[in-house]
C-alpha atoms as a PDB file:
ATOM      1  CA  MET A   1       6.936 -27.843  18.610  1.00  0.00           C
ATOM      2  CA  HIS A   2       6.958 -24.669  16.542  1.00  0.00           C
ATOM      3  CA  HIS A   3       4.035 -22.281  16.693  1.00  0.00           C
ATOM      4  CA  ILE A   4       3.049 -20.235  13.700  1.00  0.00           C
ATOM      5  CA  PHE A   5       2.562 -17.131  15.841  1.00  0.00           C
ATOM      6  CA  PRO A   6       4.936 -17.296  18.804  1.00  0.00           C
ATOM      7  CA  LEU A   7       3.690 -15.307  21.757  1.00  0.00           C
ATOM      8  CA  LYS A   8       6.835 -14.010  23.371  1.00  0.00           C
ATOM      9  CA  VAL A   9       6.313 -10.832  25.324  1.00  0.00           C
ATOM     10  CA  SER A  10       9.046  -9.650  27.578  1.00  0.00           C
ATOM     11  CA  LEU A  11       8.340  -7.969  30.878  1.00  0.00           C
ATOM     12  CA  ARG A  12       9.768  -4.735  29.505  1.00  0.00           C
ATOM     13  CA  GLU A  13       7.320  -4.750  26.558  1.00  0.00           C
ATOM     14  CA  ALA A  14       4.409  -5.413  28.882  1.00  0.00           C
ATOM     15  CA  VAL A  15       5.419  -2.561  31.186  1.00  0.00           C
ATOM     16  CA  THR A  16       6.144  -0.025  28.436  1.00  0.00           C
ATOM     17  CA  ALA A  17       2.821  -0.781  26.754  1.00  0.00           C
ATOM     18  CA  PHE A  18       1.206   1.143  29.594  1.00  0.00           C
ATOM     19  CA  ALA A  19       3.810   3.845  29.999  1.00  0.00           C
ATOM     20  CA  PRO A  20       2.466   7.200  31.228  1.00  0.00           C
ATOM     21  CA  TRP A  21       3.704   9.020  28.126  1.00  0.00           C
ATOM     22  CA  MET A  22       1.184   7.042  26.070  1.00  0.00           C
ATOM     23  CA  GLU A  23      -1.786   8.670  27.815  1.00  0.00           C
ATOM     24  CA  PRO A  24      -3.824  11.226  25.837  1.00  0.00           C
ATOM     25  CA  THR A  25      -2.723  14.801  26.242  1.00  0.00           C
ATOM     26  CA  ASP A  26      -4.927  17.500  27.723  1.00  0.00           C
ATOM     27  CA  ALA A  27      -5.480  18.916  24.239  1.00  0.00           C
ATOM     28  CA  GLU A  28      -6.639  15.527  22.952  1.00  0.00           C
ATOM     29  CA  LEU A  29      -9.008  15.117  25.900  1.00  0.00           C
ATOM     30  CA  ASP A  30     -10.387  18.621  25.277  1.00  0.00           C
ATOM     31  CA  ALA A  31     -10.968  17.751  21.611  1.00  0.00           C
ATOM     32  CA  ILE A  32     -12.840  14.584  22.605  1.00  0.00           C
ATOM     33  CA  GLU A  33     -14.930  16.572  25.081  1.00  0.00           C
ATOM     34  CA  ALA A  34     -15.768  19.145  22.395  1.00  0.00           C
ATOM     35  CA  GLU A  35     -16.862  16.373  20.012  1.00  0.00           C
ATOM     36  CA  MET A  36     -18.874  14.461  22.644  1.00  0.00           C
ATOM     37  CA  PRO A  37     -22.304  15.864  21.581  1.00  0.00           C
ATOM     38  CA  LEU A  38     -21.632  14.656  18.027  1.00  0.00           C
ATOM     39  CA  ILE A  39     -20.414  11.270  19.252  1.00  0.00           C
ATOM     40  CA  LEU A  40     -23.542  10.790  21.372  1.00  0.00           C
ATOM     41  CA  ALA A  41     -25.806  11.901  18.516  1.00  0.00           C
ATOM     42  CA  ASP A  42     -24.132   9.425  16.164  1.00  0.00           C
ATOM     43  CA  ILE A  43     -24.611   6.676  18.757  1.00  0.00           C
ATOM     44  CA  ASP A  44     -28.316   7.538  18.988  1.00  0.00           C
ATOM     45  CA  LEU A  45     -28.577   7.384  15.190  1.00  0.00           C
ATOM     46  CA  ALA A  46     -26.867   3.998  15.099  1.00  0.00           C
ATOM     47  CA  ASP A  47     -29.199   2.762  17.863  1.00  0.00           C
ATOM     48  CA  ALA A  48     -32.241   3.915  15.896  1.00  0.00           C
ATOM     49  CA  HIS A  49     -31.029   2.032  12.829  1.00  0.00           C
ATOM     50  CA  ILE A  50     -30.245  -1.088  14.876  1.00  0.00           C
ATOM     51  CA  ILE A  51     -33.730  -1.125  16.401  1.00  0.00           C
ATOM     52  CA  ALA A  52     -35.314  -1.159  12.943  1.00  0.00           C
ATOM     53  CA  LEU A  53     -32.770  -3.549  11.451  1.00  0.00           C
ATOM     54  CA  ASP A  54     -34.460  -6.899  11.909  1.00  0.00           C
ATOM     55  CA  ARG A  55     -38.000  -5.915  11.027  1.00  0.00           C
ATOM     56  CA  THR A  56     -39.982  -3.731   8.687  1.00  0.00           C
ATOM     57  CA  PRO A  57     -39.619  -0.220  10.121  1.00  0.00           C
ATOM     58  CA  SER A  58     -42.830   1.130  11.624  1.00  0.00           C
ATOM     59  CA  GLU A  59     -43.841   4.771  11.548  1.00  0.00           C
ATOM     60  CA  LEU A  60     -42.363   5.145  15.025  1.00  0.00           C
ATOM     61  CA  ASP A  61     -39.059   3.665  13.831  1.00  0.00           C
ATOM     62  CA  GLU A  62     -38.960   6.047  10.884  1.00  0.00           C
ATOM     63  CA  ARG A  63     -39.642   9.033  13.146  1.00  0.00           C
ATOM     64  CA  ARG A  64     -36.953   7.863  15.564  1.00  0.00           C
ATOM     65  CA  ILE A  65     -34.427   7.606  12.717  1.00  0.00           C
ATOM     66  CA  ARG A  66     -35.382  11.021  11.304  1.00  0.00           C
ATOM     67  CA  ARG A  67     -35.104  12.629  14.752  1.00  0.00           C
ATOM     68  CA  ALA A  68     -31.733  11.022  15.398  1.00  0.00           C
ATOM     69  CA  ARG A  69     -30.486  12.070  11.949  1.00  0.00           C
ATOM     70  CA  ARG A  70     -31.580  15.678  12.583  1.00  0.00           C
ATOM     71  CA  GLN A  71     -29.840  15.692  15.965  1.00  0.00           C
ATOM     72  CA  ALA A  72     -26.641  14.294  14.448  1.00  0.00           C
ATOM     73  CA  LEU A  73     -26.674  16.898  11.681  1.00  0.00           C
ATOM     74  CA  ALA A  74     -27.324  19.682  14.187  1.00  0.00           C
ATOM     75  CA  ALA A  75     -24.444  18.483  16.374  1.00  0.00           C
ATOM     76  CA  ARG A  76     -22.165  18.267  13.335  1.00  0.00           C
ATOM     77  CA  ALA A  77     -23.161  21.808  12.253  1.00  0.00           C
ATOM     78  CA  ALA A  78     -22.593  23.166  15.768  1.00  0.00           C
ATOM     79  CA  LEU A  79     -19.155  21.548  15.907  1.00  0.00           C
ATOM     80  CA  ALA A  80     -18.231  22.983  12.495  1.00  0.00           C
ATOM     81  CA  THR A  81     -19.433  26.431  13.553  1.00  0.00           C
ATOM     82  CA  ARG A  82     -17.386  26.306  16.756  1.00  0.00           C
ATOM     83  CA  ALA A  83     -14.328  25.175  14.803  1.00  0.00           C
ATOM     84  CA  ARG A  84     -14.767  27.961  12.261  1.00  0.00           C
ATOM     85  CA  GLN A  85     -15.170  30.585  15.008  1.00  0.00           C
ATOM     86  CA  SER A  86     -11.999  29.423  16.754  1.00  0.00           C
ATOM     87  CA  LEU A  87      -9.867  29.959  13.623  1.00  0.00           C
ATOM     88  CA  PRO A  88      -7.721  33.084  13.501  1.00  0.00           C
ATOM     89  CA  LEU A  89      -9.140  35.991  11.504  1.00  0.00           C
ATOM     90  CA  GLY A  90      -8.692  35.443   7.776  1.00  0.00           C
ATOM     91  CA  ALA A  91      -7.748  31.763   8.099  1.00  0.00           C
ATOM     92  CA  ALA A  92     -11.092  30.426   6.899  1.00  0.00           C
END
């Protein structure tokens, strides 16, 4: 019997899929850590939208969305400011 999508994975492929060199570098982890306030603010904004998704948004829902949007914009502005300040002089 022939399968359309044969699933043949050798032991070597399974082992190298989790090779240590595939881990994120320290620089990548630092970048994620620097962006974490923005990531969390975007999650809060998505949560606020999801809460109001299946019903007519109440005044409380609208305030929650506005607050989350302001926090996301503030986090994005803070991240952009930090990135601009870390550039070498004259690079911006």
